[in-house]
Protein backbone atom coordinates (compact mmCIF):
# COMPACT_ATOMS: atom_id res chain seq x y z
CA MET A 1 -27.10 15.36 7.56
CA THR A 2 -24.00 14.06 5.86
CA THR A 3 -20.77 12.90 7.39
CA GLU A 4 -17.30 13.31 5.99
CA PRO A 5 -15.85 10.08 4.60
CA GLN A 6 -13.06 8.67 6.69
CA ASP A 7 -9.72 8.64 4.89
CA PHE A 8 -8.43 5.49 6.53
CA GLU A 9 -9.94 2.69 8.59
CA SER A 10 -8.73 2.56 12.19
CA SER A 11 -8.94 -1.21 12.54
CA LEU A 12 -5.97 -3.16 11.20
CA GLU A 13 -8.31 -5.99 10.26
CA ALA A 14 -10.10 -3.55 7.93
CA ILE A 15 -6.96 -2.93 5.87
CA PRO A 16 -6.69 -5.83 3.41
CA ILE A 17 -3.15 -5.64 2.01
CA TYR A 18 -3.14 -8.31 -0.69
CA LEU A 19 0.32 -9.71 -1.16
CA GLU A 20 -0.21 -10.53 -4.84
CA ASN A 21 -0.57 -6.78 -5.46
CA PHE A 22 3.13 -6.50 -4.64
CA GLU A 23 4.99 -9.73 -5.42
CA GLY A 24 4.45 -13.46 -5.86
CA PRO A 25 6.08 -16.63 -4.46
CA LEU A 26 8.60 -16.82 -7.30
CA ASP A 27 9.69 -13.27 -6.48
CA LEU A 28 10.22 -14.32 -2.87
CA LEU A 29 12.38 -17.25 -3.98
CA LEU A 30 14.43 -15.05 -6.32
CA HIS A 31 14.91 -12.57 -3.48
CA LEU A 32 16.20 -15.32 -1.16
CA ILE A 33 18.53 -16.68 -3.86
CA LYS A 34 19.92 -13.20 -4.44
CA LYS A 35 20.16 -12.47 -0.72
CA ASN A 36 22.15 -15.66 -0.07
CA GLU A 37 24.28 -15.15 -3.21
CA VAL A 38 23.74 -18.74 -4.37
CA ASN A 39 23.69 -20.24 -7.86
CA ILE A 40 20.15 -20.49 -9.21
CA TYR A 41 21.18 -23.76 -10.94
CA ASP A 42 22.32 -25.26 -7.61
CA ILE A 43 19.81 -24.01 -5.04
CA PRO A 44 20.58 -25.06 -1.43
CA ILE A 45 17.02 -26.25 -1.01
CA ALA A 46 17.16 -26.84 2.78
CA LEU A 47 18.36 -23.28 3.48
CA ILE A 48 15.97 -21.61 1.01
CA THR A 49 13.01 -23.66 2.28
CA GLN A 50 13.75 -22.66 5.88
CA GLN A 51 14.00 -18.97 4.99
CA TYR A 52 10.88 -19.15 2.79
CA LEU A 53 8.84 -20.64 5.65
CA GLU A 54 10.19 -17.99 8.05
CA ALA A 55 9.10 -15.26 5.62
CA ILE A 56 5.64 -16.80 5.29
CA LYS A 57 5.33 -16.95 9.09
CA LEU A 58 6.20 -13.24 9.37
CA LEU A 59 3.74 -12.34 6.61
CA GLN A 60 1.01 -14.22 8.46
CA GLU A 61 1.92 -12.44 11.69
CA LEU A 62 1.51 -9.14 9.85
CA ASN A 63 -2.01 -10.24 8.88
CA LEU A 64 -1.18 -9.90 5.19
CA ASP A 65 -3.59 -11.74 2.95
CA ILE A 66 -1.31 -14.45 1.59
CA ALA A 67 -2.51 -15.92 -1.69
CA GLY A 68 -2.90 -19.68 -1.90
CA GLU A 69 -0.03 -19.87 -4.38
CA PHE A 70 2.41 -18.93 -1.58
CA LEU A 71 1.29 -21.94 0.45
CA VAL A 72 1.42 -24.18 -2.64
CA MET A 73 5.03 -23.09 -3.21
CA ALA A 74 5.82 -23.85 0.45
CA ALA A 75 4.48 -27.38 -0.04
CA THR A 76 6.48 -27.69 -3.28
CA LEU A 77 9.71 -26.69 -1.53
CA ILE A 78 9.10 -29.15 1.31
CA HIS A 79 8.44 -31.90 -1.26
CA ILE A 80 11.66 -31.08 -3.16
CA LYS A 81 13.58 -30.99 0.14
CA SER A 82 12.26 -34.44 1.09
CA LYS A 83 13.25 -35.85 -2.30
CA MET A 84 16.73 -34.33 -1.97
CA LEU A 85 17.13 -36.04 1.42
CA LEU A 86 16.41 -39.48 -0.02
CA PRO A 87 19.50 -41.58 -0.79
CA ARG A 88 20.41 -41.16 -4.45
CA PRO A 89 21.24 -44.28 -6.54
CA GLU A 90 24.85 -44.76 -7.54
CA THR A 91 23.92 -44.18 -11.16
CA ALA A 92 21.88 -41.23 -12.34
CA ALA A 93 20.07 -43.36 -14.89
CA GLY A 94 16.49 -44.43 -14.20
CA VAL A 95 14.92 -47.83 -14.80
CA ASP A 96 14.44 -47.07 -18.50
CA GLY A 97 17.99 -45.89 -18.98
CA GLU A 98 16.96 -42.21 -18.96
CA ILE A 99 18.87 -39.66 -16.92
CA GLU A 100 17.01 -38.98 -13.68
CA GLU A 101 16.04 -35.32 -13.33
CA ASP A 102 17.25 -33.33 -10.36
CA PRO A 103 14.21 -32.59 -8.13
CA ARG A 104 15.06 -28.88 -8.36
CA ASP A 105 15.15 -28.69 -12.17
CA ALA A 106 11.45 -27.93 -12.72
CA LEU A 107 11.61 -25.13 -10.12
CA VAL A 108 14.76 -23.68 -11.71
CA ARG A 109 13.03 -23.57 -15.11
CA ARG A 110 10.07 -21.70 -13.59
CA LEU A 111 12.40 -19.22 -11.87
CA LEU A 112 14.38 -18.53 -15.06
CA GLU A 113 11.18 -18.02 -17.08
CA HIS A 114 9.82 -15.71 -14.39
CA GLN A 115 13.06 -13.72 -14.44
CA LYS A 116 12.71 -13.17 -18.20
CA ILE A 117 9.07 -12.04 -17.92
CA LYS A 118 9.83 -9.75 -15.00
CA ALA A 119 12.82 -8.18 -16.78
CA ALA A 120 10.69 -7.52 -19.86
CA ALA A 121 7.92 -5.97 -17.75
CA GLU A 122 10.40 -3.74 -15.93
CA LEU A 123 11.91 -2.60 -19.24
CA LEU A 124 8.47 -1.65 -20.57
CA HIS A 125 7.69 0.17 -17.32
CA GLU A 126 10.94 2.16 -17.50
CA ARG A 127 10.24 3.16 -21.12
CA GLU A 128 6.73 4.25 -20.15
CA GLN A 129 8.14 6.40 -17.35
CA LEU A 130 10.66 8.00 -19.68
CA ARG A 131 7.97 8.84 -22.23
CA ALA A 132 5.61 10.22 -19.63
CA ALA A 133 8.41 12.19 -17.89
CA GLN A 134 6.11 12.63 -14.92
CA TRP A 135 8.59 11.92 -12.16
CA GLN A 136 12.30 12.34 -11.74
CA ARG A 137 14.35 9.92 -9.65
CA PRO A 138 15.37 11.64 -6.42
CA ASP A 139 19.04 10.70 -6.78
CA GLU A 140 19.60 12.30 -10.20
CA ARG A 141 20.77 15.57 -8.63
CA VAL A 142 23.27 13.63 -6.51
CA ALA A 143 24.45 11.63 -9.52
CA ALA A 144 25.16 14.84 -11.43
CA ILE A 145 27.53 15.93 -8.65
CA ALA A 146 29.10 12.54 -7.87
CA GLY A 147 29.84 11.59 -11.46
CA ASP A 148 29.97 8.15 -13.11
CA GLU A 149 31.10 6.31 -9.95
CA TYR A 150 27.83 7.08 -8.16
CA GLU A 151 25.60 4.00 -7.88
CA PRO A 152 21.97 5.00 -8.51
CA GLU A 153 19.26 3.96 -6.13
CA LEU A 154 17.02 1.04 -7.07
CA GLU A 155 13.32 0.81 -6.33
CA VAL A 156 12.75 -1.64 -3.49
CA ASP A 157 10.57 -4.74 -3.78
CA LEU A 158 8.32 -6.03 -1.01
CA PHE A 159 10.65 -8.78 0.16
CA SER A 160 13.61 -6.42 0.52
CA LEU A 161 11.33 -4.32 2.73
CA LEU A 162 10.39 -7.44 4.66
CA SER A 163 14.07 -8.32 5.23
CA ALA A 164 14.72 -4.78 6.46
CA PHE A 165 11.72 -5.03 8.78
CA GLN A 166 13.04 -8.30 10.24
CA LYS A 167 16.26 -6.46 11.17
CA VAL A 168 14.21 -3.67 12.79
CA VAL A 169 12.35 -6.25 14.91
CA GLU A 170 15.61 -7.96 15.92
CA ARG A 171 17.16 -4.65 17.00
CA ALA A 172 14.02 -3.76 18.95
CA ARG A 173 14.50 -6.89 21.07
CA SER A 174 17.80 -5.50 22.39
CA ARG A 175 16.30 -2.19 23.50
CA PRO A 176 15.63 -1.69 27.23
CA LYS A 177 12.05 -2.66 28.03
CA VAL A 178 9.75 0.12 29.25
CA LEU A 179 6.63 -1.13 31.02
CA LEU A 180 3.77 0.98 29.70
CA PRO A 181 0.13 0.12 29.08
CA PRO A 182 -0.18 -1.38 25.58
CA GLU A 183 -1.59 1.11 23.09
CA GLN A 184 -2.73 0.25 19.59
CA ILE A 185 -1.87 3.08 17.20
CA PRO A 186 -4.67 3.50 14.64
CA LEU A 187 -3.31 2.96 11.15
CA GLU A 188 -4.55 6.32 9.85
CA VAL A 189 -2.85 8.09 12.77
CA ARG A 190 0.43 6.34 12.04
CA ILE A 191 0.20 7.27 8.36
CA ASP A 192 -0.34 10.93 9.31
CA GLN A 193 2.67 10.77 11.66
CA LEU A 194 4.91 9.31 8.97
CA LEU A 195 3.76 11.86 6.39
CA VAL A 196 4.63 14.68 8.80
CA ARG A 197 8.11 13.25 9.34
CA LEU A 198 8.67 12.80 5.61
CA SER A 199 7.51 16.37 4.97
CA GLU A 200 10.31 17.63 7.22
CA HIS A 201 13.06 15.91 5.21
CA GLU A 202 13.77 15.19 1.58
CA ALA A 203 14.04 11.51 2.53
CA CYS A 204 14.14 9.33 5.65
CA GLY A 205 15.99 6.11 6.34
CA PHE A 206 13.68 3.10 6.53
CA GLU A 207 14.85 2.14 10.02
CA ASP A 208 14.57 5.74 11.26
CA LEU A 209 10.80 5.60 10.73
CA PHE A 210 10.60 2.95 13.47
CA ALA A 211 12.76 4.82 16.00
CA ASP A 212 9.84 6.24 18.00
CA VAL A 213 8.13 2.89 18.67
CA ASP A 214 9.31 0.06 20.93
CA GLU A 215 6.41 -2.36 21.16
CA ARG A 216 6.11 -5.09 18.54
CA SER A 217 2.55 -3.95 17.80
CA GLY A 218 3.84 -0.45 17.01
CA LEU A 219 6.51 -1.86 14.71
CA ILE A 220 3.88 -3.90 12.85
CA VAL A 221 1.52 -0.93 12.52
CA THR A 222 4.36 1.18 11.14
CA PHE A 223 5.29 -1.46 8.56
CA LEU A 224 1.67 -1.90 7.48
CA ALA A 225 1.30 1.89 7.28
CA LEU A 226 4.28 2.05 4.91
CA LEU A 227 2.78 -0.69 2.72
CA GLU A 228 -0.52 1.21 2.60
CA MET A 229 1.33 4.44 1.73
CA ILE A 230 3.06 2.62 -1.13
CA ARG A 231 -0.32 1.35 -2.38
CA LEU A 232 -1.77 4.86 -2.21
CA LYS A 233 1.30 6.19 -4.09
CA LEU A 234 2.15 8.57 -1.25
CA ILE A 235 5.79 7.43 -1.04
CA ARG A 236 8.56 5.82 -3.11
CA VAL A 237 11.10 3.49 -1.52
CA PHE A 238 14.62 3.10 -2.90
CA GLN A 239 17.79 1.23 -1.97
CA SER A 240 21.43 2.05 -2.68
CA GLY A 241 22.63 -0.93 -4.69
CA SER A 242 21.39 -4.46 -4.04
CA PHE A 243 21.72 -4.54 -0.25
CA GLY A 244 22.43 -0.93 0.71
CA PRO A 245 20.44 1.36 3.04
CA ILE A 246 16.76 1.82 2.20
CA ARG A 247 15.40 5.36 1.96
CA VAL A 248 11.79 6.54 1.82
CA TYR A 249 10.75 9.56 -0.25
CA LYS A 250 7.44 11.40 -0.04
CA ARG A 251 5.92 11.96 -3.48
CA PRO A 252 3.13 14.11 -4.91
CA ARG A 253 0.11 11.86 -5.10
CA PRO A 254 -0.85 11.31 -8.77
CA ALA A 255 -4.43 11.68 -9.97
CA ASP A 256 -4.71 7.94 -10.72
CA ALA A 257 -3.65 6.88 -7.21
CA PRO A 258 -5.91 4.34 -5.43
CA HIS A 259 -8.35 5.64 -2.82
CA PRO A 260 -7.89 4.87 0.88
CA ILE A 261 -9.70 1.88 2.31
CA GLY A 262 -13.20 2.98 3.40
CA ASP A 263 -13.39 5.91 1.00
CA PRO A 264 -16.75 5.51 -0.77
CA GLU A 265 -15.34 7.10 -3.92
CA GLY A 266 -12.67 4.43 -4.19
CA GLY A 267 -14.58 1.33 -3.21
CA ALA A 268 -13.01 -1.46 -1.20
């Protein structure tokens, strides 16, 4: 007697969403610099460190498997912050007459180098997509009508999604509380629910996908379900401009898409 393989694991602990599969700590820093509209050559280290640690705390609450390099970067930021708080000498010259380096300079060099590598990788990816011509951006039909002034949608990175999720959680706090027995929505059930909703519309607003849940556990399950759907290439997520509304599009699943967790054909 054989049993049908389960598409998704019910237990949240059985869904290992590895953060390095999406972005790294330098990407998180670049996101925070862009979000705060600050000069990369003059990073307000106290503010960025605080927001970085808040993001790490939320990622840990979501049970995402944070790579050690994220924690190393947190320690680096705290070290730079402590050095920035020390009283600076009246002269910038060190004991040997050399100009003392700003504690942030090494980090800035890493960020600039990472920006170059990331830009090159994105350019190669775009060229590959154009050659393959396998998928058409969902806003091209709108752009043809709106003309040159229309701002095309940009594919969303993980930390933009995380910022949007933080806003969803903050809004949920202001909703009237309804005392109901706590119920843990299985992840595979939530994925099915979201796929049904996305099948009914060409696209859905990111925040709209959380409208039917009030409990924090439901919000977290929904966010993790969206991350798993991205990994499985079931959806594409785009944003209008740098900080515009985020929209989620259902997509035909390509043949090379990863298998669900627990599927024996796909491995772990």
